[in-house]
Amino acid sequence: MSDMKTFTVRDLDRAPSAVLETSRKEGRVRIRARSGQTYIITPEATPEKRMSSLPSFAERRNRLFKRALTAATASKLDQAIAGE
């Protein structure tokens, strides 16, 4: 047998989250019954969620800053960012 982590049916009954977490981390685990029968638990592949489009950053910026900042406000903002 391989170096795959092996659990018993009792482990699966008493600590299912540990068995499933190991399966998720290692790719699969073996469950062994008293009769000697073994089972493999493999997590299903989850489809990657892809972004269909990027948000409009220009639109968000225009919503937040409807008009240009004054020199005084820009100076205060610069100081706040600098931590002064």
PDB file of N, CA and C in Angstrom:
ATOM      1  N   MET A   1       0.839  -1.177   0.000  1.00  0.00           N
ATOM      2  CA  MET A   1       0.000   0.000   0.000  1.00  0.00           C
ATOM      3  C   MET A   1       0.885   1.241   0.000  1.00  0.00           C
ATOM      4  N   SER A   2       0.302   2.368  -0.337  1.00  0.00           N
ATOM      5  CA  SER A   2       1.069   3.595  -0.456  1.00  0.00           C
ATOM      6  C   SER A   2       1.169   4.327   0.880  1.00  0.00           C
ATOM      7  N   ASP A   3       1.694   5.519   0.823  1.00  0.00           N
ATOM      8  CA  ASP A   3       1.834   6.332   2.030  1.00  0.00           C
ATOM      9  C   ASP A   3       0.568   7.141   2.310  1.00  0.00           C
ATOM     10  N   MET A   4      -0.543   6.710   1.734  1.00  0.00           N
ATOM     11  CA  MET A   4      -1.824   7.362   1.944  1.00  0.00           C
ATOM     12  C   MET A   4      -2.240   7.177   3.402  1.00  0.00           C
ATOM     13  N   LYS A   5      -2.790   8.221   3.997  1.00  0.00           N
ATOM     14  CA  LYS A   5      -3.242   8.165   5.379  1.00  0.00           C
ATOM     15  C   LYS A   5      -4.428   7.206   5.479  1.00  0.00           C
ATOM     16  N   THR A   6      -4.386   6.318   6.467  1.00  0.00           N
ATOM     17  CA  THR A   6      -5.433   5.322   6.657  1.00  0.00           C
ATOM     18  C   THR A   6      -6.176   5.595   7.961  1.00  0.00           C
ATOM     19  N   PHE A   7      -7.492   5.572   7.891  1.00  0.00           N
ATOM     20  CA  PHE A   7      -8.359   5.727   9.054  1.00  0.00           C
ATOM     21  C   PHE A   7      -9.212   4.482   9.180  1.00  0.00           C
ATOM     22  N   THR A   8      -9.837   4.329  10.327  1.00  0.00           N
ATOM     23  CA  THR A   8     -10.778   3.226  10.522  1.00  0.00           C
ATOM     24  C   THR A   8     -12.200   3.773  10.403  1.00  0.00           C
ATOM     25  N   VAL A   9     -13.159   2.868  10.317  1.00  0.00           N
ATOM     26  CA  VAL A   9     -14.556   3.281  10.282  1.00  0.00           C
ATOM     27  C   VAL A   9     -14.904   4.005  11.580  1.00  0.00           C
ATOM     28  N   ARG A  10     -14.307   3.579  12.685  1.00  0.00           N
ATOM     29  CA  ARG A  10     -14.541   4.243  13.971  1.00  0.00           C
ATOM     30  C   ARG A  10     -14.059   5.699  13.921  1.00  0.00           C
ATOM     31  N   ASP A  11     -12.883   5.930  13.310  1.00  0.00           N
ATOM     32  CA  ASP A  11     -12.387   7.303  13.152  1.00  0.00           C
ATOM     33  C   ASP A  11     -13.379   8.145  12.355  1.00  0.00           C
ATOM     34  N   LEU A  12     -13.914   7.546  11.304  1.00  0.00           N
ATOM     35  CA  LEU A  12     -14.872   8.249  10.461  1.00  0.00           C
ATOM     36  C   LEU A  12     -16.142   8.571  11.244  1.00  0.00           C
ATOM     37  N   ASP A  13     -16.538   7.697  12.155  1.00  0.00           N
ATOM     38  CA  ASP A  13     -17.730   7.911  12.962  1.00  0.00           C
ATOM     39  C   ASP A  13     -17.490   8.961  14.041  1.00  0.00           C
ATOM     40  N   ARG A  14     -16.351   8.899  14.695  1.00  0.00           N
ATOM     41  CA  ARG A  14     -16.088   9.786  15.840  1.00  0.00           C
ATOM     42  C   ARG A  14     -15.502  11.142  15.466  1.00  0.00           C
ATOM     43  N   ALA A  15     -14.726  11.193  14.401  1.00  0.00           N
ATOM     44  CA  ALA A  15     -14.095  12.458  14.006  1.00  0.00           C
ATOM     45  C   ALA A  15     -14.160  12.638  12.490  1.00  0.00           C
ATOM     46  N   PRO A  16     -15.356  12.776  11.945  1.00  0.00           N
ATOM     47  CA  PRO A  16     -15.470  12.888  10.486  1.00  0.00           C
ATOM     48  C   PRO A  16     -14.775  14.123   9.920  1.00  0.00           C
ATOM     49  N   SER A  17     -14.764  15.213  10.677  1.00  0.00           N
ATOM     50  CA  SER A  17     -14.120  16.426  10.163  1.00  0.00           C
ATOM     51  C   SER A  17     -12.625  16.230   9.994  1.00  0.00           C
ATOM     52  N   ALA A  18     -11.999  15.481  10.887  1.00  0.00           N
ATOM     53  CA  ALA A  18     -10.563  15.220  10.766  1.00  0.00           C
ATOM     54  C   ALA A  18     -10.273  14.368   9.531  1.00  0.00           C
ATOM     55  N   VAL A  19     -11.113  13.380   9.284  1.00  0.00           N
ATOM     56  CA  VAL A  19     -10.939  12.522   8.114  1.00  0.00           C
ATOM     57  C   VAL A  19     -11.127  13.332   6.829  1.00  0.00           C
ATOM     58  N   LEU A  20     -12.176  14.153   6.796  1.00  0.00           N
ATOM     59  CA  LEU A  20     -12.440  14.942   5.597  1.00  0.00           C
ATOM     60  C   LEU A  20     -11.381  16.016   5.373  1.00  0.00           C
ATOM     61  N   GLU A  21     -10.891  16.624   6.449  1.00  0.00           N
ATOM     62  CA  GLU A  21      -9.845  17.635   6.313  1.00  0.00           C
ATOM     63  C   GLU A  21      -8.550  17.018   5.785  1.00  0.00           C
ATOM     64  N   THR A  22      -8.208  15.831   6.276  1.00  0.00           N
ATOM     65  CA  THR A  22      -7.022  15.139   5.774  1.00  0.00           C
ATOM     66  C   THR A  22      -7.204  14.778   4.312  1.00  0.00           C
ATOM     67  N   SER A  23      -8.402  14.350   3.955  1.00  0.00           N
ATOM     68  CA  SER A  23      -8.703  14.042   2.558  1.00  0.00           C
ATOM     69  C   SER A  23      -8.534  15.275   1.681  1.00  0.00           C
ATOM     70  N   ARG A  24      -8.985  16.430   2.176  1.00  0.00           N
ATOM     71  CA  ARG A  24      -8.860  17.666   1.416  1.00  0.00           C
ATOM     72  C   ARG A  24      -7.384  18.062   1.257  1.00  0.00           C
ATOM     73  N   LYS A  25      -6.612  17.932   2.332  1.00  0.00           N
ATOM     74  CA  LYS A  25      -5.201  18.338   2.292  1.00  0.00           C
ATOM     75  C   LYS A  25      -4.343  17.389   1.454  1.00  0.00           C
ATOM     76  N   GLU A  26      -4.554  16.086   1.625  1.00  0.00           N
ATOM     77  CA  GLU A  26      -3.684  15.101   0.983  1.00  0.00           C
ATOM     78  C   GLU A  26      -4.223  14.562  -0.336  1.00  0.00           C
ATOM     79  N   GLY A  27      -5.470  14.877  -0.649  1.00  0.00           N
ATOM     80  CA  GLY A  27      -6.027  14.428  -1.917  1.00  0.00           C
ATOM     81  C   GLY A  27      -6.905  13.202  -1.805  1.00  0.00           C
ATOM     82  N   ARG A  28      -6.606  12.328  -0.871  1.00  0.00           N
ATOM     83  CA  ARG A  28      -7.454  11.160  -0.625  1.00  0.00           C
ATOM     84  C   ARG A  28      -6.990  10.451   0.640  1.00  0.00           C
ATOM     85  N   VAL A  29      -7.897   9.699   1.238  1.00  0.00           N
ATOM     86  CA  VAL A  29      -7.581   8.898   2.422  1.00  0.00           C
ATOM     87  C   VAL A  29      -8.205   7.519   2.257  1.00  0.00           C
ATOM     88  N   ARG A  30      -7.679   6.570   3.001  1.00  0.00           N
ATOM     89  CA  ARG A  30      -8.194   5.193   2.978  1.00  0.00           C
ATOM     90  C   ARG A  30      -8.950   4.953   4.276  1.00  0.00           C
ATOM     91  N   ILE A  31     -10.115   4.323   4.156  1.00  0.00           N
ATOM     92  CA  ILE A  31     -10.908   3.904   5.311  1.00  0.00           C
ATOM     93  C   ILE A  31     -10.888   2.387   5.348  1.00  0.00           C
ATOM     94  N   ARG A  32     -10.507   1.837   6.497  1.00  0.00           N
ATOM     95  CA  ARG A  32     -10.413   0.382   6.628  1.00  0.00           C
ATOM     96  C   ARG A  32     -11.484  -0.105   7.593  1.00  0.00           C
ATOM     97  N   ALA A  33     -12.275  -1.083   7.134  1.00  0.00           N
ATOM     98  CA  ALA A  33     -13.308  -1.698   7.968  1.00  0.00           C
ATOM     99  C   ALA A  33     -12.710  -2.892   8.705  1.00  0.00           C
ATOM    100  N   ARG A  34     -13.412  -3.387   9.713  1.00  0.00           N
ATOM    101  CA  ARG A  34     -12.931  -4.550  10.471  1.00  0.00           C
ATOM    102  C   ARG A  34     -12.763  -5.775   9.599  1.00  0.00           C
ATOM    103  N   SER A  35     -13.608  -5.872   8.573  1.00  0.00           N
ATOM    104  CA  SER A  35     -13.552  -7.036   7.693  1.00  0.00           C
ATOM    105  C   SER A  35     -12.315  -7.027   6.797  1.00  0.00           C
ATOM    106  N   GLY A  36     -11.601  -5.905   6.767  1.00  0.00           N
ATOM    107  CA  GLY A  36     -10.433  -5.798   5.906  1.00  0.00           C
ATOM    108  C   GLY A  36     -10.714  -5.042   4.622  1.00  0.00           C
ATOM    109  N   GLN A  37     -11.985  -4.835   4.345  1.00  0.00           N
ATOM    110  CA  GLN A  37     -12.375  -4.065   3.162  1.00  0.00           C
ATOM    111  C   GLN A  37     -11.883  -2.633   3.320  1.00  0.00           C
ATOM    112  N   THR A  38     -11.369  -2.063   2.255  1.00  0.00           N
ATOM    113  CA  THR A  38     -10.917  -0.673   2.306  1.00  0.00           C
ATOM    114  C   THR A  38     -11.699   0.173   1.314  1.00  0.00           C
ATOM    115  N   TYR A  39     -11.811   1.441   1.646  1.00  0.00           N
ATOM    116  CA  TYR A  39     -12.518   2.402   0.827  1.00  0.00           C
ATOM    117  C   TYR A  39     -11.632   3.632   0.687  1.00  0.00           C
ATOM    118  N   ILE A  40     -11.758   4.305  -0.415  1.00  0.00           N
ATOM    119  CA  ILE A  40     -10.997   5.521  -0.655  1.00  0.00           C
ATOM    120  C   ILE A  40     -11.962   6.700  -0.664  1.00  0.00           C
ATOM    121  N   ILE A  41     -11.646   7.726   0.104  1.00  0.00           N
ATOM    122  CA  ILE A  41     -12.421   8.960   0.087  1.00  0.00           C
ATOM    123  C   ILE A  41     -11.582  10.010  -0.621  1.00  0.00           C
ATOM    124  N   THR A  42     -12.141  10.545  -1.685  1.00  0.00           N
ATOM    125  CA  THR A  42     -11.463  11.564  -2.481  1.00  0.00           C
ATOM    126  C   THR A  42     -12.373  12.780  -2.583  1.00  0.00           C
ATOM    127  N   PRO A  43     -11.875  13.972  -2.293  1.00  0.00           N
ATOM    128  CA  PRO A  43     -12.744  15.142  -2.419  1.00  0.00           C
ATOM    129  C   PRO A  43     -13.034  15.449  -3.884  1.00  0.00           C
ATOM    130  N   GLU A  44     -14.241  15.903  -4.142  1.00  0.00           N
ATOM    131  CA  GLU A  44     -14.597  16.300  -5.503  1.00  0.00           C
ATOM    132  C   GLU A  44     -13.862  17.585  -5.854  1.00  0.00           C
ATOM    133  N   ALA A  45     -13.487  17.684  -7.098  1.00  0.00           N
ATOM    134  CA  ALA A  45     -12.835  18.912  -7.559  1.00  0.00           C
ATOM    135  C   ALA A  45     -13.877  20.020  -7.625  1.00  0.00           C
ATOM    136  N   THR A  46     -13.542  21.151  -7.027  1.00  0.00           N
ATOM    137  CA  THR A  46     -14.459  22.280  -7.084  1.00  0.00           C
ATOM    138  C   THR A  46     -14.055  23.172  -8.249  1.00  0.00           C
ATOM    139  N   PRO A  47     -15.014  23.562  -9.044  1.00  0.00           N
ATOM    140  CA  PRO A  47     -14.672  24.434 -10.175  1.00  0.00           C
ATOM    141  C   PRO A  47     -14.206  25.790  -9.657  1.00  0.00           C
ATOM    142  N   GLU A  48     -13.171  26.311 -10.305  1.00  0.00           N
ATOM    143  CA  GLU A  48     -12.661  27.619  -9.911  1.00  0.00           C
ATOM    144  C   GLU A  48     -13.628  28.695 -10.369  1.00  0.00           C
ATOM    145  N   LYS A  49     -13.885  29.625  -9.480  1.00  0.00           N
ATOM    146  CA  LYS A  49     -14.768  30.731  -9.834  1.00  0.00           C
ATOM    147  C   LYS A  49     -13.928  31.786 -10.538  1.00  0.00           C
ATOM    148  N   ARG A  50     -14.324  32.116 -11.730  1.00  0.00           N
ATOM    149  CA  ARG A  50     -13.611  33.126 -12.495  1.00  0.00           C
ATOM    150  C   ARG A  50     -14.446  34.392 -12.560  1.00  0.00           C
ATOM    151  N   MET A  51     -13.747  35.484 -12.525  1.00  0.00           N
ATOM    152  CA  MET A  51     -14.435  36.763 -12.654  1.00  0.00           C
ATOM    153  C   MET A  51     -14.823  36.955 -14.108  1.00  0.00           C
ATOM    154  N   SER A  52     -16.073  37.282 -14.336  1.00  0.00           N
ATOM    155  CA  SER A  52     -16.513  37.485 -15.709  1.00  0.00           C
ATOM    156  C   SER A  52     -16.127  38.872 -16.213  1.00  0.00           C
ATOM    157  N   SER A  53     -16.082  39.830 -15.295  1.00  0.00           N
ATOM    158  CA  SER A  53     -15.667  41.171 -15.696  1.00  0.00           C
ATOM    159  C   SER A  53     -15.153  41.915 -14.474  1.00  0.00           C
ATOM    160  N   LEU A  54     -14.332  42.899 -14.718  1.00  0.00           N
ATOM    161  CA  LEU A  54     -13.805  43.719 -13.637  1.00  0.00           C
ATOM    162  C   LEU A  54     -14.756  44.871 -13.358  1.00  0.00           C
ATOM    163  N   PRO A  55     -14.806  45.302 -12.094  1.00  0.00           N
ATOM    164  CA  PRO A  55     -15.655  46.450 -11.803  1.00  0.00           C
ATOM    165  C   PRO A  55     -15.085  47.705 -12.453  1.00  0.00           C
ATOM    166  N   SER A  56     -15.932  48.654 -12.687  1.00  0.00           N
ATOM    167  CA  SER A  56     -15.508  49.908 -13.300  1.00  0.00           C
ATOM    168  C   SER A  56     -14.937  50.818 -12.213  1.00  0.00           C
ATOM    169  N   PHE A  57     -13.605  50.826 -12.116  1.00  0.00           N
ATOM    170  CA  PHE A  57     -12.959  51.639 -11.091  1.00  0.00           C
ATOM    171  C   PHE A  57     -13.143  53.131 -11.367  1.00  0.00           C
ATOM    172  N   ALA A  58     -13.180  53.510 -12.632  1.00  0.00           N
ATOM    173  CA  ALA A  58     -13.391  54.919 -12.972  1.00  0.00           C
ATOM    174  C   ALA A  58     -14.768  55.371 -12.493  1.00  0.00           C
ATOM    175  N   GLU A  59     -15.770  54.517 -12.653  1.00  0.00           N
ATOM    176  CA  GLU A  59     -17.116  54.858 -12.203  1.00  0.00           C
ATOM    177  C   GLU A  59     -17.155  55.001 -10.687  1.00  0.00           C
ATOM    178  N   ARG A  60     -16.494  54.105  -9.976  1.00  0.00           N
ATOM    179  CA  ARG A  60     -16.458  54.173  -8.519  1.00  0.00           C
ATOM    180  C   ARG A  60     -15.729  55.431  -8.053  1.00  0.00           C
ATOM    181  N   ARG A  61     -14.617  55.741  -8.699  1.00  0.00           N
ATOM    182  CA  ARG A  61     -13.853  56.937  -8.355  1.00  0.00           C
ATOM    183  C   ARG A  61     -14.709  58.185  -8.571  1.00  0.00           C
ATOM    184  N   ASN A  62     -15.408  58.251  -9.694  1.00  0.00           N
ATOM    185  CA  ASN A  62     -16.249  59.411  -9.999  1.00  0.00           C
ATOM    186  C   ASN A  62     -17.404  59.544  -9.013  1.00  0.00           C
ATOM    187  N   ARG A  63     -17.933  58.421  -8.523  1.00  0.00           N
ATOM    188  CA  ARG A  63     -18.997  58.465  -7.536  1.00  0.00           C
ATOM    189  C   ARG A  63     -18.484  59.019  -6.207  1.00  0.00           C
ATOM    190  N   LEU A  64     -17.263  58.607  -5.819  1.00  0.00           N
ATOM    191  CA  LEU A  64     -16.698  59.056  -4.550  1.00  0.00           C
ATOM    192  C   LEU A  64     -16.199  60.495  -4.604  1.00  0.00           C
ATOM    193  N   PHE A  65     -15.564  60.838  -5.686  1.00  0.00           N
ATOM    194  CA  PHE A  65     -14.969  62.163  -5.829  1.00  0.00           C
ATOM    195  C   PHE A  65     -15.620  62.863  -7.017  1.00  0.00           C
ATOM    196  N   LYS A  66     -16.771  63.458  -6.764  1.00  0.00           N
ATOM    197  CA  LYS A  66     -17.526  64.082  -7.852  1.00  0.00           C
ATOM    198  C   LYS A  66     -16.816  65.308  -8.416  1.00  0.00           C
ATOM    199  N   ARG A  67     -16.042  65.962  -7.594  1.00  0.00           N
ATOM    200  CA  ARG A  67     -15.280  67.112  -8.076  1.00  0.00           C
ATOM    201  C   ARG A  67     -13.838  66.974  -7.583  1.00  0.00           C
ATOM    202  N   ALA A  68     -12.957  67.730  -8.194  1.00  0.00           N
ATOM    203  CA  ALA A  68     -11.536  67.659  -7.834  1.00  0.00           C
ATOM    204  C   ALA A  68     -11.326  68.160  -6.410  1.00  0.00           C
ATOM    205  N   LEU A  69     -10.340  67.580  -5.728  1.00  0.00           N
ATOM    206  CA  LEU A  69     -10.013  68.014  -4.370  1.00  0.00           C
ATOM    207  C   LEU A  69      -9.318  69.362  -4.407  1.00  0.00           C
ATOM    208  N   THR A  70      -9.584  70.135  -3.383  1.00  0.00           N
ATOM    209  CA  THR A  70      -8.869  71.408  -3.274  1.00  0.00           C
ATOM    210  C   THR A  70      -7.444  71.114  -2.819  1.00  0.00           C
ATOM    211  N   ALA A  71      -6.564  72.080  -2.988  1.00  0.00           N
ATOM    212  CA  ALA A  71      -5.160  71.899  -2.588  1.00  0.00           C
ATOM    213  C   ALA A  71      -5.051  71.625  -1.095  1.00  0.00           C
ATOM    214  N   ALA A  72      -5.856  72.311  -0.288  1.00  0.00           N
ATOM    215  CA  ALA A  72      -5.818  72.112   1.164  1.00  0.00           C
ATOM    216  C   ALA A  72      -6.280  70.702   1.531  1.00  0.00           C
ATOM    217  N   THR A  73      -7.355  70.249   0.888  1.00  0.00           N
ATOM    218  CA  THR A  73      -7.867  68.905   1.166  1.00  0.00           C
ATOM    219  C   THR A  73      -6.873  67.851   0.704  1.00  0.00           C
ATOM    220  N   ALA A  74      -6.248  68.054  -0.440  1.00  0.00           N
ATOM    221  CA  ALA A  74      -5.249  67.112  -0.935  1.00  0.00           C
ATOM    222  C   ALA A  74      -4.064  67.050   0.007  1.00  0.00           C
ATOM    223  N   SER A  75      -3.665  68.194   0.558  1.00  0.00           N
ATOM    224  CA  SER A  75      -2.548  68.236   1.504  1.00  0.00           C
ATOM    225  C   SER A  75      -2.894  67.469   2.775  1.00  0.00           C
ATOM    226  N   LYS A  76      -4.117  67.661   3.302  1.00  0.00           N
ATOM    227  CA  LYS A  76      -4.556  66.929   4.491  1.00  0.00           C
ATOM    228  C   LYS A  76      -4.609  65.428   4.227  1.00  0.00           C
ATOM    229  N   LEU A  77      -5.076  65.060   3.042  1.00  0.00           N
ATOM    230  CA  LEU A  77      -5.138  63.640   2.682  1.00  0.00           C
ATOM    231  C   LEU A  77      -3.735  63.046   2.616  1.00  0.00           C
ATOM    232  N   ASP A  78      -2.797  63.755   2.027  1.00  0.00           N
ATOM    233  CA  ASP A  78      -1.415  63.299   1.957  1.00  0.00           C
ATOM    234  C   ASP A  78      -0.828  63.108   3.347  1.00  0.00           C
ATOM    235  N   GLN A  79      -1.128  64.039   4.251  1.00  0.00           N
ATOM    236  CA  GLN A  79      -0.619  63.934   5.629  1.00  0.00           C
ATOM    237  C   GLN A  79      -1.233  62.726   6.341  1.00  0.00           C
ATOM    238  N   ALA A  80      -2.520  62.499   6.119  1.00  0.00           N
ATOM    239  CA  ALA A  80      -3.188  61.348   6.740  1.00  0.00           C
ATOM    240  C   ALA A  80      -2.596  60.041   6.242  1.00  0.00           C
ATOM    241  N   ILE A  81      -2.316  59.963   4.950  1.00  0.00           N
ATOM    242  CA  ILE A  81      -1.725  58.752   4.387  1.00  0.00           C
ATOM    243  C   ILE A  81      -0.321  58.544   4.933  1.00  0.00           C
ATOM    244  N   ALA A  82       0.420  59.637   5.084  1.00  0.00           N
ATOM    245  CA  ALA A  82       1.797  59.560   5.602  1.00  0.00           C
ATOM    246  C   ALA A  82       1.830  59.287   7.103  1.00  0.00           C
ATOM    247  N   GLY A  83       0.687  59.436   7.784  1.00  0.00           N
ATOM    248  CA  GLY A  83       0.633  59.164   9.210  1.00  0.00           C
ATOM    249  C   GLY A  83       1.109  60.342  10.040  1.00  0.00           C
ATOM    250  N   GLU A  84       0.997  61.507   9.501  1.00  0.00           N
ATOM    251  CA  GLU A  84       1.440  62.709  10.229  1.00  0.00           C
ATOM    252  C   GLU A  84       0.326  63.319  10.996  1.00  0.00           C
TER     253      GLU A  84
END
